[in-house]
PDB file of N, CA and C in Angstrom:
ATOM      1  N   MET A   1      98.217  57.034 -35.936  1.00  0.00           N
ATOM      2  CA  MET A   1      98.506  55.698 -36.065  1.00  0.00           C
ATOM      3  C   MET A   1      99.814  55.323 -35.402  1.00  0.00           C
ATOM      4  N   ARG A   2      99.795  54.291 -34.652  1.00  0.00           N
ATOM      5  CA  ARG A   2     100.984  53.710 -34.134  1.00  0.00           C
ATOM      6  C   ARG A   2     102.064  53.259 -34.985  1.00  0.00           C
ATOM      7  N   MET A   3     103.223  53.412 -34.506  1.00  0.00           N
ATOM      8  CA  MET A   3     104.373  53.108 -35.487  1.00  0.00           C
ATOM      9  C   MET A   3     104.482  51.761 -36.027  1.00  0.00           C
ATOM     10  N   GLN A   4     104.014  50.711 -35.254  1.00  0.00           N
ATOM     11  CA  GLN A   4     103.970  49.391 -35.615  1.00  0.00           C
ATOM     12  C   GLN A   4     102.963  49.295 -36.670  1.00  0.00           C
ATOM     13  N   SER A   5     101.841  49.863 -36.575  1.00  0.00           N
ATOM     14  CA  SER A   5     100.878  49.857 -37.699  1.00  0.00           C
ATOM     15  C   SER A   5     101.357  50.458 -39.042  1.00  0.00           C
ATOM     16  N   ILE A   6     102.045  51.639 -38.816  1.00  0.00           N
ATOM     17  CA  ILE A   6     102.559  52.191 -40.188  1.00  0.00           C
ATOM     18  C   ILE A   6     103.613  51.495 -40.785  1.00  0.00           C
ATOM     19  N   ILE A   7     104.505  50.811 -40.000  1.00  0.00           N
ATOM     20  CA  ILE A   7     105.598  49.878 -40.618  1.00  0.00           C
ATOM     21  C   ILE A   7     104.932  48.624 -41.255  1.00  0.00           C
ATOM     22  N   GLU A   8     103.937  48.030 -40.652  1.00  0.00           N
ATOM     23  CA  GLU A   8     103.294  46.819 -41.089  1.00  0.00           C
ATOM     24  C   GLU A   8     102.466  47.205 -42.556  1.00  0.00           C
ATOM     25  N   ALA A   9     101.893  48.418 -42.405  1.00  0.00           N
ATOM     26  CA  ALA A   9     101.016  48.852 -43.639  1.00  0.00           C
ATOM     27  C   ALA A   9     102.175  49.055 -44.812  1.00  0.00           C
ATOM     28  N   ARG A  10     103.078  49.817 -44.520  1.00  0.00           N
ATOM     29  CA  ARG A  10     104.056  50.094 -45.660  1.00  0.00           C
ATOM     30  C   ARG A  10     104.596  48.904 -46.256  1.00  0.00           C
ATOM     31  N   LEU A  11     105.044  47.817 -45.389  1.00  0.00           N
ATOM     32  CA  LEU A  11     105.645  46.692 -45.845  1.00  0.00           C
ATOM     33  C   LEU A  11     104.705  45.786 -46.538  1.00  0.00           C
ATOM     34  N   ASN A  12     103.506  45.842 -46.114  1.00  0.00           N
ATOM     35  CA  ASN A  12     102.412  44.933 -46.732  1.00  0.00           C
ATOM     36  C   ASN A  12     102.188  45.515 -48.129  1.00  0.00           C
ATOM     37  N   ASP A  13     102.149  46.871 -48.271  1.00  0.00           N
ATOM     38  CA  ASP A  13     101.885  47.598 -49.604  1.00  0.00           C
ATOM     39  C   ASP A  13     102.920  47.244 -50.495  1.00  0.00           C
ATOM     40  N   ALA A  14     104.189  47.371 -50.100  1.00  0.00           N
ATOM     41  CA  ALA A  14     105.325  47.361 -50.906  1.00  0.00           C
ATOM     42  C   ALA A  14     105.600  45.850 -51.333  1.00  0.00           C
ATOM     43  N   PHE A  15     105.513  44.928 -50.429  1.00  0.00           N
ATOM     44  CA  PHE A  15     105.922  43.587 -50.653  1.00  0.00           C
ATOM     45  C   PHE A  15     104.879  42.488 -50.800  1.00  0.00           C
ATOM     46  N   ALA A  16     103.722  42.736 -50.208  1.00  0.00           N
ATOM     47  CA  ALA A  16     102.765  41.512 -50.068  1.00  0.00           C
ATOM     48  C   ALA A  16     103.491  40.351 -49.574  1.00  0.00           C
ATOM     49  N   PRO A  17     103.982  40.459 -48.398  1.00  0.00           N
ATOM     50  CA  PRO A  17     104.863  39.394 -47.940  1.00  0.00           C
ATOM     51  C   PRO A  17     104.047  38.199 -47.559  1.00  0.00           C
ATOM     52  N   GLU A  18     104.763  36.991 -47.681  1.00  0.00           N
ATOM     53  CA  GLU A  18     104.132  35.752 -47.322  1.00  0.00           C
ATOM     54  C   GLU A  18     104.017  35.606 -45.637  1.00  0.00           C
ATOM     55  N   ARG A  19     105.024  36.311 -45.141  1.00  0.00           N
ATOM     56  CA  ARG A  19     105.254  36.183 -43.672  1.00  0.00           C
ATOM     57  C   ARG A  19     105.762  37.632 -43.233  1.00  0.00           C
ATOM     58  N   LEU A  20     105.154  38.212 -42.260  1.00  0.00           N
ATOM     59  CA  LEU A  20     105.576  39.515 -41.771  1.00  0.00           C
ATOM     60  C   LEU A  20     105.309  39.573 -40.197  1.00  0.00           C
ATOM     61  N   ALA A  21     106.455  39.780 -39.469  1.00  0.00           N
ATOM     62  CA  ALA A  21     106.327  40.035 -38.049  1.00  0.00           C
ATOM     63  C   ALA A  21     107.160  41.267 -37.694  1.00  0.00           C
ATOM     64  N   VAL A  22     106.433  42.234 -37.116  1.00  0.00           N
ATOM     65  CA  VAL A  22     107.127  43.571 -36.609  1.00  0.00           C
ATOM     66  C   VAL A  22     107.011  43.557 -35.050  1.00  0.00           C
ATOM     67  N   SER A  23     108.233  43.655 -34.560  1.00  0.00           N
ATOM     68  CA  SER A  23     108.277  43.659 -32.973  1.00  0.00           C
ATOM     69  C   SER A  23     108.962  44.872 -32.548  1.00  0.00           C
ATOM     70  N   ASN A  24     108.272  45.409 -31.647  1.00  0.00           N
ATOM     71  CA  ASN A  24     108.888  46.638 -30.851  1.00  0.00           C
ATOM     72  C   ASN A  24     109.825  46.206 -29.773  1.00  0.00           C
ATOM     73  N   GLU A  25     111.029  46.523 -29.844  1.00  0.00           N
ATOM     74  CA  GLU A  25     112.218  46.061 -29.070  1.00  0.00           C
ATOM     75  C   GLU A  25     112.693  47.463 -28.207  1.00  0.00           C
ATOM     76  N   SER A  26     111.909  48.526 -28.144  1.00  0.00           N
ATOM     77  CA  SER A  26     112.355  49.568 -27.464  1.00  0.00           C
ATOM     78  C   SER A  26     112.581  49.391 -25.921  1.00  0.00           C
ATOM     79  N   ALA A  27     111.646  48.596 -25.365  1.00  0.00           N
ATOM     80  CA  ALA A  27     111.872  48.498 -23.985  1.00  0.00           C
ATOM     81  C   ALA A  27     113.221  47.835 -23.533  1.00  0.00           C
ATOM     82  N   LYS A  28     113.785  47.078 -24.588  1.00  0.00           N
ATOM     83  CA  LYS A  28     115.165  46.402 -24.292  1.00  0.00           C
ATOM     84  C   LYS A  28     116.215  47.557 -24.221  1.00  0.00           C
ATOM     85  N   HIS A  29     115.938  48.848 -24.761  1.00  0.00           N
ATOM     86  CA  HIS A  29     116.938  49.726 -25.030  1.00  0.00           C
ATOM     87  C   HIS A  29     116.594  51.008 -24.135  1.00  0.00           C
ATOM     88  N   SER A  30     115.746  50.845 -23.247  1.00  0.00           N
ATOM     89  CA  SER A  30     115.356  52.008 -22.360  1.00  0.00           C
ATOM     90  C   SER A  30     116.668  52.637 -21.621  1.00  0.00           C
ATOM     91  N   GLY A  31     116.743  53.908 -21.837  1.00  0.00           N
ATOM     92  CA  GLY A  31     117.810  54.593 -21.222  1.00  0.00           C
ATOM     93  C   GLY A  31     119.084  54.649 -22.106  1.00  0.00           C
ATOM     94  N   HIS A  32     119.128  53.847 -23.295  1.00  0.00           N
ATOM     95  CA  HIS A  32     120.262  53.778 -23.900  1.00  0.00           C
ATOM     96  C   HIS A  32     120.352  54.990 -25.118  1.00  0.00           C
ATOM     97  N   ALA A  33     121.332  55.114 -25.796  1.00  0.00           N
ATOM     98  CA  ALA A  33     121.387  56.176 -26.905  1.00  0.00           C
ATOM     99  C   ALA A  33     120.233  55.816 -27.904  1.00  0.00           C
ATOM    100  N   GLY A  34     119.563  56.815 -28.299  1.00  0.00           N
ATOM    101  CA  GLY A  34     118.550  56.689 -29.197  1.00  0.00           C
ATOM    102  C   GLY A  34     117.132  56.500 -28.712  1.00  0.00           C
ATOM    103  N   ASP A  35     117.202  56.160 -27.397  1.00  0.00           N
ATOM    104  CA  ASP A  35     115.802  56.076 -26.688  1.00  0.00           C
ATOM    105  C   ASP A  35     115.208  57.630 -26.524  1.00  0.00           C
ATOM    106  N   ASP A  36     114.111  57.719 -27.333  1.00  0.00           N
ATOM    107  CA  ASP A  36     113.660  59.128 -27.028  1.00  0.00           C
ATOM    108  C   ASP A  36     112.479  59.184 -26.192  1.00  0.00           C
ATOM    109  N   GLY A  37     112.158  58.127 -25.472  1.00  0.00           N
ATOM    110  CA  GLY A  37     111.142  58.058 -24.583  1.00  0.00           C
ATOM    111  C   GLY A  37     109.765  57.759 -25.089  1.00  0.00           C
ATOM    112  N   SER A  38     109.673  57.602 -26.351  1.00  0.00           N
ATOM    113  CA  SER A  38     108.418  57.392 -26.964  1.00  0.00           C
ATOM    114  C   SER A  38     107.945  55.901 -26.794  1.00  0.00           C
ATOM    115  N   GLY A  39     108.928  55.029 -26.619  1.00  0.00           N
ATOM    116  CA  GLY A  39     108.647  53.627 -26.521  1.00  0.00           C
ATOM    117  C   GLY A  39     108.455  53.023 -27.854  1.00  0.00           C
ATOM    118  N   GLU A  40     108.917  53.892 -28.943  1.00  0.00           N
ATOM    119  CA  GLU A  40     108.790  53.410 -30.372  1.00  0.00           C
ATOM    120  C   GLU A  40     110.058  53.796 -31.170  1.00  0.00           C
ATOM    121  N   SER A  41     111.227  53.494 -30.596  1.00  0.00           N
ATOM    122  CA  SER A  41     112.510  53.798 -31.141  1.00  0.00           C
ATOM    123  C   SER A  41     113.268  52.622 -31.751  1.00  0.00           C
ATOM    124  N   HIS A  42     113.113  51.407 -31.280  1.00  0.00           N
ATOM    125  CA  HIS A  42     113.812  50.265 -31.758  1.00  0.00           C
ATOM    126  C   HIS A  42     112.800  49.175 -32.254  1.00  0.00           C
ATOM    127  N   TRP A  43     113.138  48.725 -33.386  1.00  0.00           N
ATOM    128  CA  TRP A  43     112.191  47.782 -34.096  1.00  0.00           C
ATOM    129  C   TRP A  43     112.820  46.606 -34.737  1.00  0.00           C
ATOM    130  N   HIS A  44     112.190  45.363 -34.882  1.00  0.00           N
ATOM    131  CA  HIS A  44     112.748  44.353 -35.499  1.00  0.00           C
ATOM    132  C   HIS A  44     111.748  43.890 -36.361  1.00  0.00           C
ATOM    133  N   VAL A  45     112.142  43.504 -37.730  1.00  0.00           N
ATOM    134  CA  VAL A  45     111.183  43.059 -38.846  1.00  0.00           C
ATOM    135  C   VAL A  45     111.707  41.710 -39.183  1.00  0.00           C
ATOM    136  N   ALA A  46     110.837  40.760 -39.263  1.00  0.00           N
ATOM    137  CA  ALA A  46     111.206  39.377 -39.956  1.00  0.00           C
ATOM    138  C   ALA A  46     110.048  39.271 -41.010  1.00  0.00           C
ATOM    139  N   MET A  47     110.546  39.244 -42.279  1.00  0.00           N
ATOM    140  CA  MET A  47     109.772  39.102 -43.279  1.00  0.00           C
ATOM    141  C   MET A  47     110.293  38.210 -44.432  1.00  0.00           C
ATOM    142  N   ALA A  48     109.208  37.472 -45.146  1.00  0.00           N
ATOM    143  CA  ALA A  48     109.549  36.666 -46.304  1.00  0.00           C
ATOM    144  C   ALA A  48     108.744  37.118 -47.415  1.00  0.00           C
ATOM    145  N   ALA A  49     109.347  37.352 -48.610  1.00  0.00           N
ATOM    146  CA  ALA A  49     108.626  37.895 -49.625  1.00  0.00           C
ATOM    147  C   ALA A  49     109.237  37.497 -51.069  1.00  0.00           C
ATOM    148  N   GLY A  50     108.440  37.257 -52.037  1.00  0.00           N
ATOM    149  CA  GLY A  50     109.005  36.941 -53.277  1.00  0.00           C
ATOM    150  C   GLY A  50     109.797  38.022 -53.948  1.00  0.00           C
ATOM    151  N   ALA A  51     109.594  39.233 -53.611  1.00  0.00           N
ATOM    152  CA  ALA A  51     110.405  40.323 -54.205  1.00  0.00           C
ATOM    153  C   ALA A  51     111.822  40.230 -53.699  1.00  0.00           C
ATOM    154  N   PHE A  52     112.271  39.421 -52.741  1.00  0.00           N
ATOM    155  CA  PHE A  52     113.539  39.269 -52.213  1.00  0.00           C
ATOM    156  C   PHE A  52     114.423  38.125 -53.091  1.00  0.00           C
ATOM    157  N   ALA A  53     113.683  37.474 -53.781  1.00  0.00           N
ATOM    158  CA  ALA A  53     114.328  36.300 -54.610  1.00  0.00           C
ATOM    159  C   ALA A  53     115.499  36.759 -55.468  1.00  0.00           C
ATOM    160  N   GLY A  54     116.578  36.147 -55.199  1.00  0.00           N
ATOM    161  CA  GLY A  54     117.855  36.610 -56.051  1.00  0.00           C
ATOM    162  C   GLY A  54     118.438  37.721 -55.695  1.00  0.00           C
ATOM    163  N   LYS A  55     117.921  38.389 -54.466  1.00  0.00           N
ATOM    164  CA  LYS A  55     118.523  39.684 -54.197  1.00  0.00           C
ATOM    165  C   LYS A  55     119.657  39.464 -53.068  1.00  0.00           C
ATOM    166  N   SER A  56     120.607  40.314 -53.030  1.00  0.00           N
ATOM    167  CA  SER A  56     121.643  40.184 -51.926  1.00  0.00           C
ATOM    168  C   SER A  56     121.122  40.768 -50.617  1.00  0.00           C
ATOM    169  N   ARG A  57     121.765  40.400 -49.602  1.00  0.00           N
ATOM    170  CA  ARG A  57     121.230  40.992 -48.420  1.00  0.00           C
ATOM    171  C   ARG A  57     121.179  42.450 -48.272  1.00  0.00           C
ATOM    172  N   LEU A  58     122.197  43.065 -48.823  1.00  0.00           N
ATOM    173  CA  LEU A  58     122.285  44.563 -48.911  1.00  0.00           C
ATOM    174  C   LEU A  58     121.034  45.181 -49.591  1.00  0.00           C
ATOM    175  N   THR A  59     120.863  44.408 -50.769  1.00  0.00           N
ATOM    176  CA  THR A  59     119.686  45.053 -51.733  1.00  0.00           C
ATOM    177  C   THR A  59     118.344  44.869 -50.985  1.00  0.00           C
ATOM    178  N   ARG A  60     118.144  43.801 -50.218  1.00  0.00           N
ATOM    179  CA  ARG A  60     116.951  43.506 -49.412  1.00  0.00           C
ATOM    180  C   ARG A  60     116.691  44.605 -48.455  1.00  0.00           C
ATOM    181  N   HIS A  61     117.885  44.927 -47.651  1.00  0.00           N
ATOM    182  CA  HIS A  61     117.607  45.952 -46.724  1.00  0.00           C
ATOM    183  C   HIS A  61     117.465  47.332 -47.278  1.00  0.00           C
ATOM    184  N   ARG A  62     118.021  47.535 -48.368  1.00  0.00           N
ATOM    185  CA  ARG A  62     117.731  48.788 -49.067  1.00  0.00           C
ATOM    186  C   ARG A  62     116.375  48.932 -49.631  1.00  0.00           C
ATOM    187  N   MET A  63     115.846  47.831 -50.018  1.00  0.00           N
ATOM    188  CA  MET A  63     114.395  47.889 -50.377  1.00  0.00           C
ATOM    189  C   MET A  63     113.477  48.092 -49.361  1.00  0.00           C
ATOM    190  N   VAL A  64     113.807  47.630 -48.112  1.00  0.00           N
ATOM    191  CA  VAL A  64     112.854  47.809 -46.996  1.00  0.00           C
ATOM    192  C   VAL A  64     113.046  49.228 -46.598  1.00  0.00           C
ATOM    193  N   HIS A  65     114.272  49.763 -46.414  1.00  0.00           N
ATOM    194  CA  HIS A  65     114.518  51.125 -46.031  1.00  0.00           C
ATOM    195  C   HIS A  65     113.630  52.066 -46.988  1.00  0.00           C
ATOM    196  N   ALA A  66     113.771  51.829 -48.401  1.00  0.00           N
ATOM    197  CA  ALA A  66     113.005  52.658 -49.398  1.00  0.00           C
ATOM    198  C   ALA A  66     111.438  52.585 -49.272  1.00  0.00           C
ATOM    199  N   ALA A  67     111.053  51.299 -48.830  1.00  0.00           N
ATOM    200  CA  ALA A  67     109.571  51.291 -48.561  1.00  0.00           C
ATOM    201  C   ALA A  67     109.171  51.964 -47.403  1.00  0.00           C
ATOM    202  N   LEU A  68     109.937  52.032 -46.371  1.00  0.00           N
ATOM    203  CA  LEU A  68     109.579  52.715 -45.228  1.00  0.00           C
ATOM    204  C   LEU A  68     109.582  54.143 -45.370  1.00  0.00           C
ATOM    205  N   GLY A  69     110.502  54.641 -46.210  1.00  0.00           N
ATOM    206  CA  GLY A  69     110.621  56.040 -46.527  1.00  0.00           C
ATOM    207  C   GLY A  69     110.975  57.022 -45.120  1.00  0.00           C
ATOM    208  N   ASP A  70     110.033  57.925 -45.038  1.00  0.00           N
ATOM    209  CA  ASP A  70     110.279  58.922 -43.929  1.00  0.00           C
ATOM    210  C   ASP A  70     110.191  58.266 -42.530  1.00  0.00           C
ATOM    211  N   VAL A  71     109.621  57.067 -42.390  1.00  0.00           N
ATOM    212  CA  VAL A  71     109.590  56.291 -41.187  1.00  0.00           C
ATOM    213  C   VAL A  71     111.088  56.101 -40.599  1.00  0.00           C
ATOM    214  N   MET A  72     111.928  55.933 -41.526  1.00  0.00           N
ATOM    215  CA  MET A  72     113.270  55.784 -41.148  1.00  0.00           C
ATOM    216  C   MET A  72     113.921  56.935 -40.400  1.00  0.00           C
ATOM    217  N   THR A  73     113.437  58.092 -40.630  1.00  0.00           N
ATOM    218  CA  THR A  73     113.816  59.355 -39.863  1.00  0.00           C
ATOM    219  C   THR A  73     113.241  59.457 -38.481  1.00  0.00           C
ATOM    220  N   ARG A  74     112.160  58.648 -38.228  1.00  0.00           N
ATOM    221  CA  ARG A  74     111.357  58.693 -36.982  1.00  0.00           C
ATOM    222  C   ARG A  74     111.649  57.580 -35.911  1.00  0.00           C
ATOM    223  N   ILE A  75     112.553  56.548 -36.463  1.00  0.00           N
ATOM    224  CA  ILE A  75     113.039  55.620 -35.510  1.00  0.00           C
ATOM    225  C   ILE A  75     114.545  55.647 -35.314  1.00  0.00           C
ATOM    226  N   HIS A  76     115.050  54.901 -34.331  1.00  0.00           N
ATOM    227  CA  HIS A  76     116.504  55.007 -34.029  1.00  0.00           C
ATOM    228  C   HIS A  76     117.170  53.771 -34.686  1.00  0.00           C
ATOM    229  N   ALA A  77     116.461  52.582 -34.525  1.00  0.00           N
ATOM    230  CA  ALA A  77     117.149  51.391 -34.860  1.00  0.00           C
ATOM    231  C   ALA A  77     116.110  50.383 -35.491  1.00  0.00           C
ATOM    232  N   LEU A  78     116.631  49.747 -36.537  1.00  0.00           N
ATOM    233  CA  LEU A  78     115.923  48.658 -37.240  1.00  0.00           C
ATOM    234  C   LEU A  78     116.634  47.461 -37.611  1.00  0.00           C
ATOM    235  N   SER A  79     116.215  46.365 -36.964  1.00  0.00           N
ATOM    236  CA  SER A  79     116.936  45.148 -37.228  1.00  0.00           C
ATOM    237  C   SER A  79     116.099  44.404 -38.146  1.00  0.00           C
ATOM    238  N   LEU A  80     116.764  43.706 -39.309  1.00  0.00           N
ATOM    239  CA  LEU A  80     116.051  42.995 -40.230  1.00  0.00           C
ATOM    240  C   LEU A  80     116.527  41.622 -40.497  1.00  0.00           C
ATOM    241  N   ASP A  81     115.510  40.691 -40.640  1.00  0.00           N
ATOM    242  CA  ASP A  81     115.653  39.192 -41.128  1.00  0.00           C
ATOM    243  C   ASP A  81     114.741  39.111 -42.259  1.00  0.00           C
ATOM    244  N   LEU A  82     115.365  39.048 -43.417  1.00  0.00           N
ATOM    245  CA  LEU A  82     114.598  39.007 -44.636  1.00  0.00           C
ATOM    246  C   LEU A  82     114.982  37.822 -45.538  1.00  0.00           C
ATOM    247  N   ASP A  83     113.942  37.053 -45.957  1.00  0.00           N
ATOM    248  CA  ASP A  83     114.050  36.002 -46.639  1.00  0.00           C
ATOM    249  C   ASP A  83     113.121  35.805 -47.904  1.00  0.00           C
ATOM    250  N   ASP A  84     113.617  35.152 -49.005  1.00  0.00           N
ATOM    251  CA  ASP A  84     112.768  34.957 -50.102  1.00  0.00           C
ATOM    252  C   ASP A  84     111.913  33.745 -49.757  1.00  0.00           C
ATOM    253  N   VAL A  85     110.914  33.631 -50.591  1.00  0.00           N
ATOM    254  CA  VAL A  85     109.851  32.557 -50.328  1.00  0.00           C
ATOM    255  C   VAL A  85     110.121  31.299 -51.046  1.00  0.00           C
ATOM    256  N   SER A  86     111.227  31.321 -51.802  1.00  0.00           N
ATOM    257  CA  SER A  86     111.485  30.073 -52.675  1.00  0.00           C
ATOM    258  C   SER A  86     112.054  28.994 -51.877  1.00  0.00           C
TER     259      SER A  86
END
């Protein structure tokens, strides 16, 4: 399974988001530190979910990192734009 599918599945399972967009940004970082040549090292997630309501930015990020679990050891960079749905 490709990394994008894994990320999407884990986030959908954990948050049932109203909006989820996972973008592979690895090509922008080709040759930079952390580029392992796989083409799957740098990711951006934009997500809106009710689970984020009333949570701080730091807590939201921690929630996503926890939901991704071991995936976090397999990627170099993850940028997040997380919103609640209220």
